[in-house]
C-alpha atoms as a PDB file:
ATOM      1  CA  MET A   1      -9.233  -8.516 -17.077  1.00  0.00           C
ATOM      2  CA  PHE A   2      -9.948  -4.761 -17.185  1.00  0.00           C
ATOM      3  CA  TYR A   3     -10.138  -4.424 -13.382  1.00  0.00           C
ATOM      4  CA  LEU A   4      -6.890  -6.345 -12.874  1.00  0.00           C
ATOM      5  CA  VAL A   5      -4.972  -4.219 -15.401  1.00  0.00           C
ATOM      6  CA  ALA A   6      -6.538  -1.006 -14.069  1.00  0.00           C
ATOM      7  CA  THR A   7      -5.490  -1.866 -10.498  1.00  0.00           C
ATOM      8  CA  ILE A   8      -1.910  -2.494 -11.617  1.00  0.00           C
ATOM      9  CA  LEU A   9      -1.707   0.753 -13.613  1.00  0.00           C
ATOM     10  CA  LEU A  10      -3.230   2.850 -10.810  1.00  0.00           C
ATOM     11  CA  ASN A  11      -0.735   1.490  -8.265  1.00  0.00           C
ATOM     12  CA  VAL A  12       2.128   2.299 -10.631  1.00  0.00           C
ATOM     13  CA  LEU A  13       0.683   5.794 -11.184  1.00  0.00           C
ATOM     14  CA  ILE A  14       0.652   6.460  -7.429  1.00  0.00           C
ATOM     15  CA  SER A  15       4.320   5.432  -7.172  1.00  0.00           C
ATOM     16  CA  VAL A  16       5.239   7.683 -10.111  1.00  0.00           C
ATOM     17  CA  LEU A  17       3.427  10.645  -8.520  1.00  0.00           C
ATOM     18  CA  PHE A  18       5.314  10.116  -5.248  1.00  0.00           C
ATOM     19  CA  LYS A  19       8.580  10.022  -7.202  1.00  0.00           C
ATOM     20  CA  LEU A  20       7.688  13.344  -8.887  1.00  0.00           C
ATOM     21  CA  PHE A  21       6.900  15.167  -5.616  1.00  0.00           C
ATOM     22  CA  PRO A  22      10.455  16.509  -5.056  1.00  0.00           C
ATOM     23  CA  LYS A  23      10.680  17.797  -8.646  1.00  0.00           C
ATOM     24  CA  TYR A  24       7.645  20.036  -8.096  1.00  0.00           C
ATOM     25  CA  ASP A  25       8.514  20.837  -4.460  1.00  0.00           C
ATOM     26  CA  ILE A  26       5.418  19.102  -3.101  1.00  0.00           C
ATOM     27  CA  ASN A  27       4.995  18.853   0.658  1.00  0.00           C
ATOM     28  CA  THR A  28       4.286  15.154   1.175  1.00  0.00           C
ATOM     29  CA  LEU A  29       2.234  15.522   4.370  1.00  0.00           C
ATOM     30  CA  GLN A  30      -0.083  18.159   2.904  1.00  0.00           C
ATOM     31  CA  ALA A  31      -0.549  16.144  -0.291  1.00  0.00           C
ATOM     32  CA  ILE A  32      -1.336  12.923   1.611  1.00  0.00           C
ATOM     33  CA  VAL A  33      -3.849  14.674   3.866  1.00  0.00           C
ATOM     34  CA  ALA A  34      -5.578  16.100   0.782  1.00  0.00           C
ATOM     35  CA  ASN A  35      -5.446  12.609  -0.739  1.00  0.00           C
ATOM     36  CA  TYR A  36      -7.386  11.101   2.166  1.00  0.00           C
ATOM     37  CA  CYS A  37      -9.972  13.885   2.067  1.00  0.00           C
ATOM     38  CA  VAL A  38     -10.482  13.083  -1.623  1.00  0.00           C
ATOM     39  CA  CYS A  39     -10.777   9.362  -0.780  1.00  0.00           C
ATOM     40  CA  VAL A  40     -13.566  10.106   1.719  1.00  0.00           C
ATOM     41  CA  ILE A  41     -15.478  12.295  -0.747  1.00  0.00           C
ATOM     42  CA  THR A  42     -15.024   9.801  -3.589  1.00  0.00           C
ATOM     43  CA  GLY A  43     -16.108   6.912  -1.344  1.00  0.00           C
ATOM     44  CA  CYS A  44     -19.257   8.701  -0.169  1.00  0.00           C
ATOM     45  CA  ILE A  45     -20.190   9.543  -3.754  1.00  0.00           C
ATOM     46  CA  SER A  46     -19.537   5.938  -4.764  1.00  0.00           C
ATOM     47  CA  ILE A  47     -21.864   4.397  -2.132  1.00  0.00           C
ATOM     48  CA  GLY A  48     -24.425   7.208  -2.374  1.00  0.00           C
ATOM     49  CA  HIS A  49     -24.434   8.372   1.260  1.00  0.00           C
ATOM     50  CA  VAL A  50     -22.225   9.503   4.155  1.00  0.00           C
ATOM     51  CA  PRO A  51     -21.692   6.520   6.539  1.00  0.00           C
ATOM     52  CA  PHE A  52     -21.041   8.476   9.729  1.00  0.00           C
ATOM     53  CA  GLY A  53     -24.289   7.960  11.659  1.00  0.00           C
ATOM     54  CA  ASN A  54     -24.924   6.306  15.019  1.00  0.00           C
ATOM     55  CA  ALA A  55     -24.805   2.875  13.426  1.00  0.00           C
ATOM     56  CA  ALA A  56     -21.173   3.410  12.406  1.00  0.00           C
ATOM     57  CA  PHE A  57     -20.130   4.880  15.775  1.00  0.00           C
ATOM     58  CA  HIS A  58     -21.630   1.899  17.636  1.00  0.00           C
ATOM     59  CA  ALA A  59     -20.400  -0.747  15.194  1.00  0.00           C
ATOM     60  CA  ASP A  60     -17.980  -3.405  16.458  1.00  0.00           C
ATOM     61  CA  TRP A  61     -15.423  -2.338  13.867  1.00  0.00           C
ATOM     62  CA  PHE A  62     -15.486   1.430  14.595  1.00  0.00           C
ATOM     63  CA  LEU A  63     -12.543   1.575  17.033  1.00  0.00           C
ATOM     64  CA  TRP A  64     -10.587  -0.675  14.683  1.00  0.00           C
ATOM     65  CA  ALA A  65     -11.286   1.809  11.869  1.00  0.00           C
ATOM     66  CA  VAL A  66      -9.949   4.672  14.010  1.00  0.00           C
ATOM     67  CA  GLY A  67      -6.765   2.759  14.814  1.00  0.00           C
ATOM     68  CA  MET A  68      -6.293   1.736  11.199  1.00  0.00           C
ATOM     69  CA  GLY A  69      -6.774   5.348  10.101  1.00  0.00           C
ATOM     70  CA  PHE A  70      -3.757   6.355  12.206  1.00  0.00           C
ATOM     71  CA  ALA A  71      -1.788   3.494  10.658  1.00  0.00           C
ATOM     72  CA  PHE A  72      -2.875   4.443   7.124  1.00  0.00           C
ATOM     73  CA  ILE A  73      -1.440   7.930   7.249  1.00  0.00           C
ATOM     74  CA  GLY A  74       1.804   6.703   8.821  1.00  0.00           C
ATOM     75  CA  ILE A  75       2.379   3.947   6.255  1.00  0.00           C
ATOM     76  CA  PHE A  76       1.395   6.147   3.304  1.00  0.00           C
ATOM     77  CA  ASN A  77       3.894   8.831   4.377  1.00  0.00           C
ATOM     78  CA  LEU A  78       6.532   6.121   4.742  1.00  0.00           C
ATOM     79  CA  LEU A  79       5.773   4.793   1.253  1.00  0.00           C
ATOM     80  CA  ALA A  80       6.069   8.294  -0.207  1.00  0.00           C
ATOM     81  CA  TYR A  81       9.371   8.953   1.568  1.00  0.00           C
ATOM     82  CA  SER A  82      10.872   5.591   0.623  1.00  0.00           C
ATOM     83  CA  THR A  83       9.839   6.054  -3.022  1.00  0.00           C
ATOM     84  CA  ARG A  84      11.741   9.337  -3.128  1.00  0.00           C
ATOM     85  CA  VAL A  85      14.795   8.088  -1.235  1.00  0.00           C
ATOM     86  CA  ASP A  86      15.125   4.411  -2.216  1.00  0.00           C
ATOM     87  CA  GLY A  87      13.258   4.382  -5.520  1.00  0.00           C
ATOM     88  CA  ILE A  88      10.079   2.837  -6.855  1.00  0.00           C
ATOM     89  CA  THR A  89      11.397  -0.709  -7.309  1.00  0.00           C
ATOM     90  CA  THR A  90      12.756  -1.189  -3.788  1.00  0.00           C
ATOM     91  CA  THR A  91       9.648   0.323  -2.188  1.00  0.00           C
ATOM     92  CA  ILE A  92       7.209  -1.760  -4.235  1.00  0.00           C
ATOM     93  CA  ILE A  93       9.090  -5.002  -3.554  1.00  0.00           C
ATOM     94  CA  ALA A  94       9.210  -4.337   0.198  1.00  0.00           C
ATOM     95  CA  SER A  95       5.499  -3.477   0.155  1.00  0.00           C
ATOM     96  CA  LYS A  96       4.366  -6.498  -1.847  1.00  0.00           C
ATOM     97  CA  LEU A  97       6.519  -9.019   0.025  1.00  0.00           C
ATOM     98  CA  SER A  98       5.014  -7.854   3.315  1.00  0.00           C
ATOM     99  CA  LEU A  99       2.271 -10.397   2.603  1.00  0.00           C
ATOM    100  CA  VAL A 100       4.476 -12.961   4.386  1.00  0.00           C
ATOM    101  CA  ILE A 101       3.522 -11.404   7.743  1.00  0.00           C
ATOM    102  CA  PRO A 102      -0.247 -12.073   7.483  1.00  0.00           C
ATOM    103  CA  VAL A 103       0.629 -15.530   6.128  1.00  0.00           C
ATOM    104  CA  ILE A 104       2.744 -16.241   9.227  1.00  0.00           C
ATOM    105  CA  PHE A 105      -0.091 -14.868  11.396  1.00  0.00           C
ATOM    106  CA  SER A 106      -2.582 -17.212   9.723  1.00  0.00           C
ATOM    107  CA  LEU A 107      -0.266 -20.179  10.212  1.00  0.00           C
ATOM    108  CA  LEU A 108       0.215 -19.424  13.911  1.00  0.00           C
ATOM    109  CA  VAL A 109      -3.242 -18.135  14.933  1.00  0.00           C
ATOM    110  CA  TYR A 110      -5.644 -19.858  12.560  1.00  0.00           C
ATOM    111  CA  LYS A 111      -3.544 -23.040  12.455  1.00  0.00           C
ATOM    112  CA  GLU A 112      -3.439 -23.138   8.659  1.00  0.00           C
ATOM    113  CA  HIS A 113      -1.374 -25.937   7.180  1.00  0.00           C
ATOM    114  CA  ALA A 114       2.297 -24.953   6.794  1.00  0.00           C
ATOM    115  CA  THR A 115       3.376 -26.554   3.534  1.00  0.00           C
ATOM    116  CA  ALA A 116       6.955 -26.707   2.304  1.00  0.00           C
ATOM    117  CA  GLY A 117       6.048 -24.274  -0.503  1.00  0.00           C
ATOM    118  CA  LYS A 118       4.715 -21.603   1.858  1.00  0.00           C
ATOM    119  CA  ILE A 119       7.671 -21.930   4.198  1.00  0.00           C
ATOM    120  CA  ALA A 120      10.071 -21.649   1.261  1.00  0.00           C
ATOM    121  CA  GLY A 121       8.239 -18.530   0.034  1.00  0.00           C
ATOM    122  CA  ILE A 122       8.421 -16.908   3.473  1.00  0.00           C
ATOM    123  CA  LEU A 123      12.142 -17.632   3.748  1.00  0.00           C
ATOM    124  CA  LEU A 124      12.843 -16.304   0.233  1.00  0.00           C
ATOM    125  CA  ALA A 125      11.082 -13.005   0.978  1.00  0.00           C
ATOM    126  CA  PHE A 126      13.766 -11.804   3.390  1.00  0.00           C
ATOM    127  CA  PRO A 127      16.793 -12.092   1.054  1.00  0.00           C
ATOM    128  CA  ALA A 128      14.622 -10.668  -1.756  1.00  0.00           C
ATOM    129  CA  VAL A 129      14.023  -7.441   0.187  1.00  0.00           C
ATOM    130  CA  TYR A 130      17.687  -7.269   1.203  1.00  0.00           C
ATOM    131  CA  LEU A 131      19.076  -7.798  -2.306  1.00  0.00           C
ATOM    132  CA  THR A 132      16.863  -5.148  -3.904  1.00  0.00           C
ATOM    133  CA  THR A 133      18.380  -2.511  -1.586  1.00  0.00           C
ATOM    134  CA  ARG A 134      21.947  -3.470  -2.491  1.00  0.00           C
ATOM    135  CA  VAL A 135      21.943  -1.131  -5.487  1.00  0.00           C
ATOM    136  CA  GLU A 136      24.127   1.972  -5.307  1.00  0.00           C
ATOM    137  CA  GLY A 137      22.449   5.343  -5.012  1.00  0.00           C
ATOM    138  CA  ASP A 138      23.605   8.673  -6.383  1.00  0.00           C
ATOM    139  CA  ASP A 139      26.385   8.818  -3.752  1.00  0.00           C
ATOM    140  CA  ASN A 140      27.747   5.416  -4.904  1.00  0.00           C
ATOM    141  CA  LYS A 141      26.792   3.827  -1.572  1.00  0.00           C
ATOM    142  CA  PRO A 142      24.257   1.027  -1.027  1.00  0.00           C
ATOM    143  CA  GLN A 143      20.787   2.294  -0.183  1.00  0.00           C
ATOM    144  CA  ASN A 144      19.621   2.382   3.419  1.00  0.00           C
ATOM    145  CA  LEU A 145      17.872  -0.837   4.462  1.00  0.00           C
ATOM    146  CA  LEU A 146      15.837   0.911   7.186  1.00  0.00           C
ATOM    147  CA  TRP A 147      12.929   2.273   5.131  1.00  0.00           C
ATOM    148  CA  PRO A 148      12.227  -0.892   3.103  1.00  0.00           C
ATOM    149  CA  VAL A 149      12.333  -2.934   6.322  1.00  0.00           C
ATOM    150  CA  LEU A 150       9.894  -0.554   8.036  1.00  0.00           C
ATOM    151  CA  ILE A 151       7.569  -0.785   5.024  1.00  0.00           C
ATOM    152  CA  PHE A 152       7.895  -4.573   5.027  1.00  0.00           C
ATOM    153  CA  ILE A 153       6.992  -4.806   8.735  1.00  0.00           C
ATOM    154  CA  GLY A 154       4.440  -1.973   8.814  1.00  0.00           C
ATOM    155  CA  GLY A 155       2.658  -3.059   5.645  1.00  0.00           C
ATOM    156  CA  GLY A 156       2.575  -6.655   6.848  1.00  0.00           C
ATOM    157  CA  MET A 157       1.081  -5.692  10.207  1.00  0.00           C
ATOM    158  CA  LEU A 158      -1.480  -3.489   8.448  1.00  0.00           C
ATOM    159  CA  ASP A 159      -2.506  -6.361   6.159  1.00  0.00           C
ATOM    160  CA  THR A 160      -2.666  -8.731   9.141  1.00  0.00           C
ATOM    161  CA  ALA A 161      -4.959  -6.377  11.051  1.00  0.00           C
ATOM    162  CA  THR A 162      -7.109  -5.876   7.950  1.00  0.00           C
ATOM    163  CA  ASN A 163      -7.497  -9.636   7.483  1.00  0.00           C
ATOM    164  CA  TYR A 164      -8.423 -10.047  11.161  1.00  0.00           C
ATOM    165  CA  ILE A 165     -11.013  -7.246  11.044  1.00  0.00           C
ATOM    166  CA  GLN A 166     -12.456  -8.531   7.761  1.00  0.00           C
ATOM    167  CA  PHE A 167     -12.793 -12.041   9.202  1.00  0.00           C
ATOM    168  CA  HIS A 168     -14.403 -11.018  12.512  1.00  0.00           C
ATOM    169  CA  PHE A 169     -16.391  -7.823  11.861  1.00  0.00           C
ATOM    170  CA  LEU A 170     -17.067  -7.127   8.171  1.00  0.00           C
ATOM    171  CA  ALA A 171     -19.617  -9.664   6.983  1.00  0.00           C
ATOM    172  CA  THR A 172     -21.563  -7.417   4.603  1.00  0.00           C
ATOM    173  CA  THR A 173     -20.705  -5.201   1.629  1.00  0.00           C
ATOM    174  CA  ASP A 174     -22.189  -2.160   3.418  1.00  0.00           C
ATOM    175  CA  SER A 175     -20.034  -2.673   6.504  1.00  0.00           C
ATOM    176  CA  GLN A 176     -16.934  -3.089   4.321  1.00  0.00           C
ATOM    177  CA  ALA A 177     -17.626   0.178   2.501  1.00  0.00           C
ATOM    178  CA  ALA A 178     -18.453   2.078   5.701  1.00  0.00           C
ATOM    179  CA  TYR A 179     -15.371   0.707   7.459  1.00  0.00           C
ATOM    180  CA  THR A 180     -13.057   1.712   4.584  1.00  0.00           C
ATOM    181  CA  ILE A 181     -14.450   5.247   4.412  1.00  0.00           C
ATOM    182  CA  CYS A 182     -14.175   5.621   8.213  1.00  0.00           C
ATOM    183  CA  CYS A 183     -10.509   4.575   7.996  1.00  0.00           C
ATOM    184  CA  PHE A 184      -9.928   7.237   5.334  1.00  0.00           C
ATOM    185  CA  ALA A 185     -11.859   9.803   7.384  1.00  0.00           C
ATOM    186  CA  THR A 186      -9.744   9.097  10.481  1.00  0.00           C
ATOM    187  CA  ALA A 187      -6.520   9.407   8.484  1.00  0.00           C
ATOM    188  CA  ALA A 188      -7.782  12.670   6.974  1.00  0.00           C
ATOM    189  CA  SER A 189      -8.790  14.047  10.410  1.00  0.00           C
ATOM    190  CA  VAL A 190      -5.437  13.181  11.972  1.00  0.00           C
ATOM    191  CA  GLY A 191      -3.671  14.753   9.014  1.00  0.00           C
ATOM    192  CA  VAL A 192      -5.742  17.951   9.101  1.00  0.00           C
ATOM    193  CA  ILE A 193      -5.047  18.386  12.833  1.00  0.00           C
ATOM    194  CA  LEU A 194      -1.321  17.794  12.319  1.00  0.00           C
ATOM    195  CA  VAL A 195      -1.103  20.180   9.358  1.00  0.00           C
ATOM    196  CA  THR A 196      -3.053  22.833  11.305  1.00  0.00           C
ATOM    197  CA  ILE A 197      -0.692  22.574  14.279  1.00  0.00           C
ATOM    198  CA  LEU A 198       2.411  22.740  12.066  1.00  0.00           C
ATOM    199  CA  THR A 199       0.956  25.717  10.192  1.00  0.00           C
ATOM    200  CA  LEU A 200       0.183  27.620  13.423  1.00  0.00           C
ATOM    201  CA  MET A 201       3.736  26.863  14.597  1.00  0.00           C
ATOM    202  CA  LYS A 202       4.951  28.263  11.243  1.00  0.00           C
ATOM    203  CA  LYS A 203       6.733  24.997  10.488  1.00  0.00           C
ATOM    204  CA  ILE A 204       4.971  24.666   7.125  1.00  0.00           C
ATOM    205  CA  THR A 205       3.069  26.945   4.764  1.00  0.00           C
ATOM    206  CA  LEU A 206      -0.149  25.823   3.110  1.00  0.00           C
ATOM    207  CA  GLN A 207       0.106  25.863  -0.670  1.00  0.00           C
ATOM    208  CA  TRP A 208      -2.435  25.024  -3.348  1.00  0.00           C
ATOM    209  CA  ARG A 209       0.001  22.913  -5.352  1.00  0.00           C
ATOM    210  CA  ASN A 210       0.096  20.431  -2.459  1.00  0.00           C
ATOM    211  CA  VAL A 211      -3.706  20.177  -2.500  1.00  0.00           C
ATOM    212  CA  ILE A 212      -3.678  19.612  -6.268  1.00  0.00           C
ATOM    213  CA  ALA A 213      -1.009  16.920  -5.830  1.00  0.00           C
ATOM    214  CA  GLY A 214      -3.196  15.296  -3.157  1.00  0.00           C
ATOM    215  CA  ILE A 215      -6.168  15.257  -5.521  1.00  0.00           C
ATOM    216  CA  CYS A 216      -3.977  13.650  -8.196  1.00  0.00           C
ATOM    217  CA  VAL A 217      -3.033  10.893  -5.720  1.00  0.00           C
ATOM    218  CA  GLY A 218      -6.420  10.561  -3.988  1.00  0.00           C
ATOM    219  CA  VAL A 219      -8.516   9.688  -7.033  1.00  0.00           C
ATOM    220  CA  PRO A 220      -6.274   6.801  -8.227  1.00  0.00           C
ATOM    221  CA  ASN A 221      -5.750   5.727  -4.594  1.00  0.00           C
ATOM    222  CA  TYR A 222      -9.478   5.234  -4.012  1.00  0.00           C
ATOM    223  CA  PHE A 223     -10.124   3.581  -7.367  1.00  0.00           C
ATOM    224  CA  SER A 224      -7.117   1.262  -6.984  1.00  0.00           C
ATOM    225  CA  ILE A 225      -8.946  -0.216  -3.980  1.00  0.00           C
ATOM    226  CA  TYR A 226     -12.322  -0.189  -5.764  1.00  0.00           C
ATOM    227  CA  PHE A 227     -10.959  -1.907  -8.887  1.00  0.00           C
ATOM    228  CA  PHE A 228      -9.087  -4.424  -6.729  1.00  0.00           C
ATOM    229  CA  ILE A 229     -12.357  -5.461  -5.069  1.00  0.00           C
ATOM    230  CA  ARG A 230     -14.053  -5.628  -8.482  1.00  0.00           C
ATOM    231  CA  ALA A 231     -11.176  -7.749  -9.811  1.00  0.00           C
ATOM    232  CA  LEU A 232     -11.629 -10.237  -6.963  1.00  0.00           C
ATOM    233  CA  ASN A 233     -15.358 -10.445  -7.732  1.00  0.00           C
ATOM    234  CA  SER A 234     -15.030 -10.569 -11.534  1.00  0.00           C
ATOM    235  CA  ASN A 235     -14.358 -14.336 -11.702  1.00  0.00           C
ATOM    236  CA  PHE A 236     -11.634 -13.647 -14.269  1.00  0.00           C
ATOM    237  CA  LEU A 237      -9.255 -15.482 -11.936  1.00  0.00           C
ATOM    238  CA  GLU A 238      -9.738 -17.262  -8.635  1.00  0.00           C
ATOM    239  CA  SER A 239      -9.018 -14.994  -5.675  1.00  0.00           C
ATOM    240  CA  SER A 240      -6.062 -17.200  -4.740  1.00  0.00           C
ATOM    241  CA  ALA A 241      -4.592 -16.452  -8.169  1.00  0.00           C
ATOM    242  CA  SER A 242      -5.708 -12.806  -8.470  1.00  0.00           C
ATOM    243  CA  ILE A 243      -3.659 -11.551  -5.516  1.00  0.00           C
ATOM    244  CA  PRO A 244      -0.281 -13.000  -6.582  1.00  0.00           C
ATOM    245  CA  VAL A 245      -0.894 -12.045 -10.239  1.00  0.00           C
ATOM    246  CA  LEU A 246      -1.733  -8.522  -9.081  1.00  0.00           C
ATOM    247  CA  ASN A 247       1.348  -8.269  -6.849  1.00  0.00           C
ATOM    248  CA  ILE A 248       3.662  -9.588  -9.544  1.00  0.00           C
ATOM    249  CA  GLY A 249       2.059  -7.295 -12.139  1.00  0.00           C
ATOM    250  CA  ILE A 250       2.542  -4.231  -9.925  1.00  0.00           C
ATOM    251  CA  LEU A 251       6.110  -5.275  -9.145  1.00  0.00           C
ATOM    252  CA  ALA A 252       7.057  -5.849 -12.800  1.00  0.00           C
ATOM    253  CA  ALA A 253       5.275  -2.751 -14.151  1.00  0.00           C
ATOM    254  CA  SER A 254       6.736  -0.533 -11.396  1.00  0.00           C
ATOM    255  CA  ALA A 255      10.270  -1.804 -11.990  1.00  0.00           C
ATOM    256  CA  LEU A 256       9.983  -1.249 -15.743  1.00  0.00           C
ATOM    257  CA  THR A 257       8.547   2.247 -15.217  1.00  0.00           C
ATOM    258  CA  ALA A 258      11.311   3.130 -12.758  1.00  0.00           C
ATOM    259  CA  ILE A 259      14.025   2.020 -15.173  1.00  0.00           C
ATOM    260  CA  LEU A 260      12.542   3.704 -18.265  1.00  0.00           C
ATOM    261  CA  LEU A 261      11.279   6.968 -16.742  1.00  0.00           C
ATOM    262  CA  PHE A 262      13.587   7.580 -13.798  1.00  0.00           C
ATOM    263  CA  LYS A 263      16.725   5.654 -14.858  1.00  0.00           C
ATOM    264  CA  GLU A 264      16.859   3.809 -11.529  1.00  0.00           C
ATOM    265  CA  HIS A 265      20.046   1.804 -11.041  1.00  0.00           C
ATOM    266  CA  VAL A 266      19.941  -1.874 -11.909  1.00  0.00           C
ATOM    267  CA  ASN A 267      22.593  -4.437 -10.992  1.00  0.00           C
ATOM    268  CA  THR A 268      22.851  -8.195 -10.726  1.00  0.00           C
ATOM    269  CA  LEU A 269      21.827  -8.292  -7.061  1.00  0.00           C
ATOM    270  CA  ARG A 270      18.680  -6.264  -7.720  1.00  0.00           C
ATOM    271  CA  ILE A 271      17.697  -8.523 -10.620  1.00  0.00           C
ATOM    272  CA  ILE A 272      18.210 -11.576  -8.377  1.00  0.00           C
ATOM    273  CA  GLY A 273      16.117  -9.881  -5.684  1.00  0.00           C
ATOM    274  CA  MET A 274      13.287  -9.204  -8.149  1.00  0.00           C
ATOM    275  CA  VAL A 275      13.316 -12.822  -9.350  1.00  0.00           C
ATOM    276  CA  LEU A 276      13.279 -14.078  -5.762  1.00  0.00           C
ATOM    277  CA  SER A 277      10.356 -11.727  -5.052  1.00  0.00           C
ATOM    278  CA  VAL A 278       8.272 -13.228  -7.852  1.00  0.00           C
ATOM    279  CA  VAL A 279       9.163 -16.781  -6.776  1.00  0.00           C
ATOM    280  CA  ALA A 280       8.352 -15.998  -3.128  1.00  0.00           C
ATOM    281  CA  ILE A 281       4.915 -14.549  -4.020  1.00  0.00           C
ATOM    282  CA  LEU A 282       4.091 -17.596  -6.175  1.00  0.00           C
ATOM    283  CA  LEU A 283       5.189 -20.047  -3.483  1.00  0.00           C
ATOM    284  CA  ILE A 284       3.182 -18.287  -0.772  1.00  0.00           C
ATOM    285  CA  ALA A 285       0.093 -18.060  -2.977  1.00  0.00           C
ATOM    286  CA  PHE A 286       0.179 -21.576  -4.394  1.00  0.00           C
ATOM    287  CA  GLY A 287       2.098 -23.377  -1.661  1.00  0.00           C
ATOM    288  CA  ASN A 288      -0.847 -25.636  -0.917  1.00  0.00           C
ATOM    289  CA  ARG A 289      -0.874 -27.114  -4.411  1.00  0.00           C
END
């Protein structure tokens, strides 16, 4: 129970920190790069060694880790931007409903049984994402659909690739840990190079507050993944139940936090979209029953 609740709270905390970035004039790119550096350090401390030897470089999953590292930094920047522009609720819903993409992949590639429940859940996910963006922003116009859609597609493709890599290459706990840290290390390396180039071009100025913000995000970011893995292995719930309960918990807690702390707009369409999101997650998770 502890690991499940901790994972939910840490995910909400990350969203809140992203929402606070503009208030404290935080440069998102610098903060996210610092975040990934912290993830690498925290991961190495957690497993007790640095997994960057010859074994890692010659592992079947290494090139996948490099590619995923590029994807990580792109998606994380997109999540941060969407949280600021479209709000916590819309971003979280788009992110959590992206699970329909790996489900579709499994149905098509692994020939899993397509039940009526799963199909209904997949179909409900699309209007759910659309309806949650139909809330008016500060300019009294509906929010832009582009960023939630990009998160929905990008997050879904990232999850699909992760599932594929896990299935084919990551059979042991050590390989899973090494792979995850290598992904973080790649994202950090790409970010450091990009920040260095932008700094030399005088496009940005390095500031310590961005590093501090990155540390604040990096620690909960790493432990949100660690506690999620522990939650799946805790036997508190079956894994088939843990994932939808986790997604719904993050969705509900994030929406409540957004309304109470940031006074995000709520209307009938958004409420319908949130309800459809919960129903879609449940149908996809338990569609076989």
